[in-house]
């Protein structure tokens, strides 16, 4: 499998970013939902610390993914109706926005509350803003609202991929899977 993307499929680096970030986003989201219902104590503090570390990892992966996106080509869009193509690109744009905005709003909340921020207990990160309770409340409200909007956008993203895979029977999903063959390989590709 090629490191770089070509006209017919995503390369292994783009796929790795996609699936690592998917795991990080889902993991942080599930942990975020679980930790808010936990009783006070060390287990809850540990859950928050892991949630924050995963969020910071997603933010770092986003920066690397964005840099790679500028260096790597993207596969040619598969044939689809114009509105479907517009919707797909809009969903991808929103996903990129959320990959940046959700971790940053969490970091701003953490900073405005005056909490220390560590990445997996290895090193500290600086506060983005001074302690400010009003800003902290706004930042957490934005963080939570963006999470729920992200959840809806992810349903659209996954639903679109499954629709293409099972109903349209095209290679939209297969081009991003880390394994398997394309149904309709581009000209010149070996079967």
Protein backbone atom coordinates (compact mmCIF):
# COMPACT_ATOMS: atom_id res chain seq x y z
CA UNK A 1 0.00 0.00 0.00
CA UNK A 2 1.37 3.39 -1.00
CA UNK A 3 2.10 6.06 1.61
CA UNK A 4 0.65 8.80 -0.56
CA UNK A 5 -2.83 9.02 -2.01
CA UNK A 6 -3.38 8.65 -5.74
CA UNK A 7 -6.30 9.41 -8.04
CA UNK A 8 -8.09 6.20 -7.06
CA UNK A 9 -7.57 5.76 -3.32
CA UNK A 10 -6.28 7.27 -0.12
CA UNK A 11 -2.69 6.48 0.87
CA UNK A 12 -1.73 4.73 4.08
CA UNK A 13 -0.74 7.97 5.85
CA UNK A 14 -4.13 9.59 5.17
CA UNK A 15 -5.88 6.37 6.24
CA UNK A 16 -3.83 6.22 9.45
CA UNK A 17 -4.75 9.82 10.32
CA UNK A 18 -8.41 9.13 9.55
CA UNK A 19 -8.72 6.01 11.70
CA UNK A 20 -6.50 7.21 14.57
CA UNK A 21 -8.51 10.39 14.81
CA UNK A 22 -11.79 8.49 14.57
CA UNK A 23 -10.70 6.33 17.52
CA UNK A 24 -9.56 9.40 19.46
CA UNK A 25 -12.74 11.36 18.81
CA UNK A 26 -15.04 8.46 19.69
CA UNK A 27 -12.92 7.57 22.72
CA UNK A 28 -12.87 11.13 24.03
CA UNK A 29 -16.59 11.47 23.40
CA UNK A 30 -17.54 8.26 25.18
CA UNK A 31 -15.22 9.04 28.07
CA UNK A 32 -16.65 12.57 28.25
CA UNK A 33 -20.17 11.18 28.58
CA UNK A 34 -19.13 8.59 31.18
CA UNK A 35 -16.97 10.86 33.33
CA UNK A 36 -19.63 13.51 33.84
CA UNK A 37 -21.82 10.93 35.58
CA UNK A 38 -19.08 9.59 37.84
CA UNK A 39 -18.97 10.25 41.59
CA UNK A 40 -16.32 12.66 42.81
CA UNK A 41 -12.99 11.04 43.55
CA UNK A 42 -9.70 9.96 42.04
CA UNK A 43 -11.34 7.79 39.37
CA UNK A 44 -13.23 10.82 38.06
CA UNK A 45 -10.09 12.99 38.15
CA UNK A 46 -8.19 10.30 36.26
CA UNK A 47 -11.00 10.05 33.69
CA UNK A 48 -10.88 13.83 33.14
CA UNK A 49 -7.08 13.71 32.77
CA UNK A 50 -7.32 10.94 30.16
CA UNK A 51 -10.15 12.78 28.35
CA UNK A 52 -8.01 15.92 28.16
CA UNK A 53 -4.95 13.99 26.99
CA UNK A 54 -6.95 12.28 24.25
CA UNK A 55 -8.36 15.67 23.22
CA UNK A 56 -4.86 17.12 23.00
CA UNK A 57 -3.78 14.12 20.95
CA UNK A 58 -6.68 14.68 18.55
CA UNK A 59 -5.64 18.34 18.27
CA UNK A 60 -2.02 17.39 17.51
CA UNK A 61 -3.13 14.76 14.99
CA UNK A 62 -5.39 17.37 13.40
CA UNK A 63 -2.42 19.70 12.89
CA UNK A 64 -0.36 16.88 11.36
CA UNK A 65 -3.31 15.71 9.26
CA UNK A 66 -3.88 19.22 7.94
CA UNK A 67 -0.20 19.55 7.02
CA UNK A 68 -0.30 16.17 5.29
CA UNK A 69 -3.49 17.18 3.46
CA UNK A 70 -1.60 20.10 1.88
CA UNK A 71 1.28 17.83 0.83
CA UNK A 72 -0.76 14.85 -0.35
CA UNK A 73 -3.15 14.72 -3.25
CA UNK A 74 -6.71 13.59 -2.74
CA UNK A 75 -8.40 10.90 -4.79
CA UNK A 76 -10.73 12.01 -7.51
CA UNK A 77 -14.34 12.20 -6.34
CA UNK A 78 -16.41 9.25 -7.44
CA UNK A 79 -19.38 10.02 -9.68
CA UNK A 80 -22.38 11.22 -7.66
CA UNK A 81 -25.15 13.80 -7.94
CA UNK A 82 -24.02 17.41 -7.49
CA UNK A 83 -25.99 17.98 -4.26
CA UNK A 84 -24.57 14.78 -2.78
CA UNK A 85 -21.04 15.95 -3.60
CA UNK A 86 -21.73 19.35 -2.01
CA UNK A 87 -23.13 17.65 1.11
CA UNK A 88 -20.12 15.33 1.35
CA UNK A 89 -17.66 18.23 1.11
CA UNK A 90 -19.70 20.26 3.64
CA UNK A 91 -19.67 17.36 6.11
CA UNK A 92 -15.89 16.98 5.70
CA UNK A 93 -15.43 20.71 6.23
CA UNK A 94 -17.52 20.57 9.41
CA UNK A 95 -15.54 17.58 10.67
CA UNK A 96 -12.29 19.53 10.20
CA UNK A 97 -13.81 22.50 12.03
CA UNK A 98 -14.88 20.30 14.96
CA UNK A 99 -11.49 18.55 15.13
CA UNK A 100 -10.04 21.98 15.87
CA UNK A 101 -12.81 23.73 17.79
CA UNK A 102 -13.74 21.02 20.28
CA UNK A 103 -10.24 20.42 21.71
CA UNK A 104 -9.53 24.17 21.72
CA UNK A 105 -12.78 24.97 23.56
CA UNK A 106 -11.86 22.30 26.12
CA UNK A 107 -8.38 23.79 26.51
CA UNK A 108 -9.87 27.27 26.92
CA UNK A 109 -12.31 25.94 29.54
CA UNK A 110 -9.49 24.21 31.40
CA UNK A 111 -7.36 27.38 31.30
CA UNK A 112 -10.19 29.70 32.33
CA UNK A 113 -10.92 27.46 35.33
CA UNK A 114 -7.26 27.60 36.31
CA UNK A 115 -6.75 23.85 36.09
CA UNK A 116 -3.34 22.43 35.18
CA UNK A 117 -3.19 20.67 31.83
CA UNK A 118 -0.94 17.67 31.32
CA UNK A 119 -0.55 15.32 28.41
CA UNK A 120 -0.70 11.78 29.83
CA UNK A 121 1.26 13.04 32.89
CA UNK A 122 4.35 13.48 30.72
CA UNK A 123 4.44 17.27 30.40
CA UNK A 124 2.39 20.37 31.16
CA UNK A 125 0.85 22.64 28.57
CA UNK A 126 0.42 26.38 29.05
CA UNK A 127 -2.88 28.05 29.78
CA UNK A 128 -4.45 29.68 26.72
CA UNK A 129 -6.26 32.34 28.76
CA UNK A 130 -6.21 33.81 32.26
CA UNK A 131 -8.52 32.43 34.92
CA UNK A 132 -12.03 33.72 34.19
CA UNK A 133 -15.17 31.98 35.45
CA UNK A 134 -17.48 33.61 32.89
CA UNK A 135 -15.26 32.52 30.02
CA UNK A 136 -15.00 29.04 31.56
CA UNK A 137 -18.80 28.69 31.56
CA UNK A 138 -19.02 29.88 27.95
CA UNK A 139 -16.21 27.58 26.85
CA UNK A 140 -17.74 24.47 28.44
CA UNK A 141 -21.14 25.30 26.94
CA UNK A 142 -19.51 25.64 23.52
CA UNK A 143 -17.50 22.43 24.08
CA UNK A 144 -20.62 20.41 24.92
CA UNK A 145 -22.77 21.95 22.16
CA UNK A 146 -20.09 21.29 19.55
CA UNK A 147 -19.80 17.70 20.75
CA UNK A 148 -23.52 17.08 20.16
CA UNK A 149 -23.41 18.76 16.76
CA UNK A 150 -20.33 16.67 15.94
CA UNK A 151 -22.25 13.53 16.92
CA UNK A 152 -24.96 14.43 14.38
CA UNK A 153 -22.39 15.21 11.69
CA UNK A 154 -20.62 11.90 12.39
CA UNK A 155 -23.93 10.08 11.94
CA UNK A 156 -24.25 11.79 8.53
CA UNK A 157 -20.62 10.95 7.67
CA UNK A 158 -20.86 7.28 8.64
CA UNK A 159 -24.36 7.02 7.17
CA UNK A 160 -23.13 8.44 3.86
CA UNK A 161 -20.22 5.99 3.77
CA UNK A 162 -22.54 3.06 4.50
CA UNK A 163 -25.07 4.28 1.92
CA UNK A 164 -22.34 4.37 -0.71
CA UNK A 165 -21.04 0.96 0.35
CA UNK A 166 -24.29 -0.99 0.59
CA UNK A 167 -26.75 0.85 -1.68
CA UNK A 168 -24.63 2.63 -4.26
CA UNK A 169 -22.09 -0.23 -4.15
CA UNK A 170 -19.22 2.08 -5.01
CA UNK A 171 -15.72 2.39 -3.54
CA UNK A 172 -16.26 5.47 -1.34
CA UNK A 173 -15.80 3.52 1.90
CA UNK A 174 -13.35 0.96 0.51
CA UNK A 175 -10.95 3.72 -0.54
CA UNK A 176 -10.55 4.68 3.15
CA UNK A 177 -10.53 1.21 4.71
CA UNK A 178 -7.09 0.04 5.84
CA UNK A 179 -7.70 -3.34 4.17
CA UNK A 180 -9.61 -4.87 1.29
CA UNK A 181 -9.79 -4.36 -2.44
CA UNK A 182 -11.62 -1.81 -4.51
CA UNK A 183 -14.68 -3.04 -6.37
CA UNK A 184 -13.79 -0.91 -9.38
CA UNK A 185 -10.01 -0.35 -9.39
CA UNK A 186 -8.75 2.58 -11.48
CA UNK A 187 -7.37 1.81 -14.93
CA UNK A 188 -3.90 0.29 -14.74
CA UNK A 189 -4.31 -1.10 -11.19
CA UNK A 190 -3.80 -4.81 -10.67
CA UNK A 191 -6.94 -6.63 -9.44
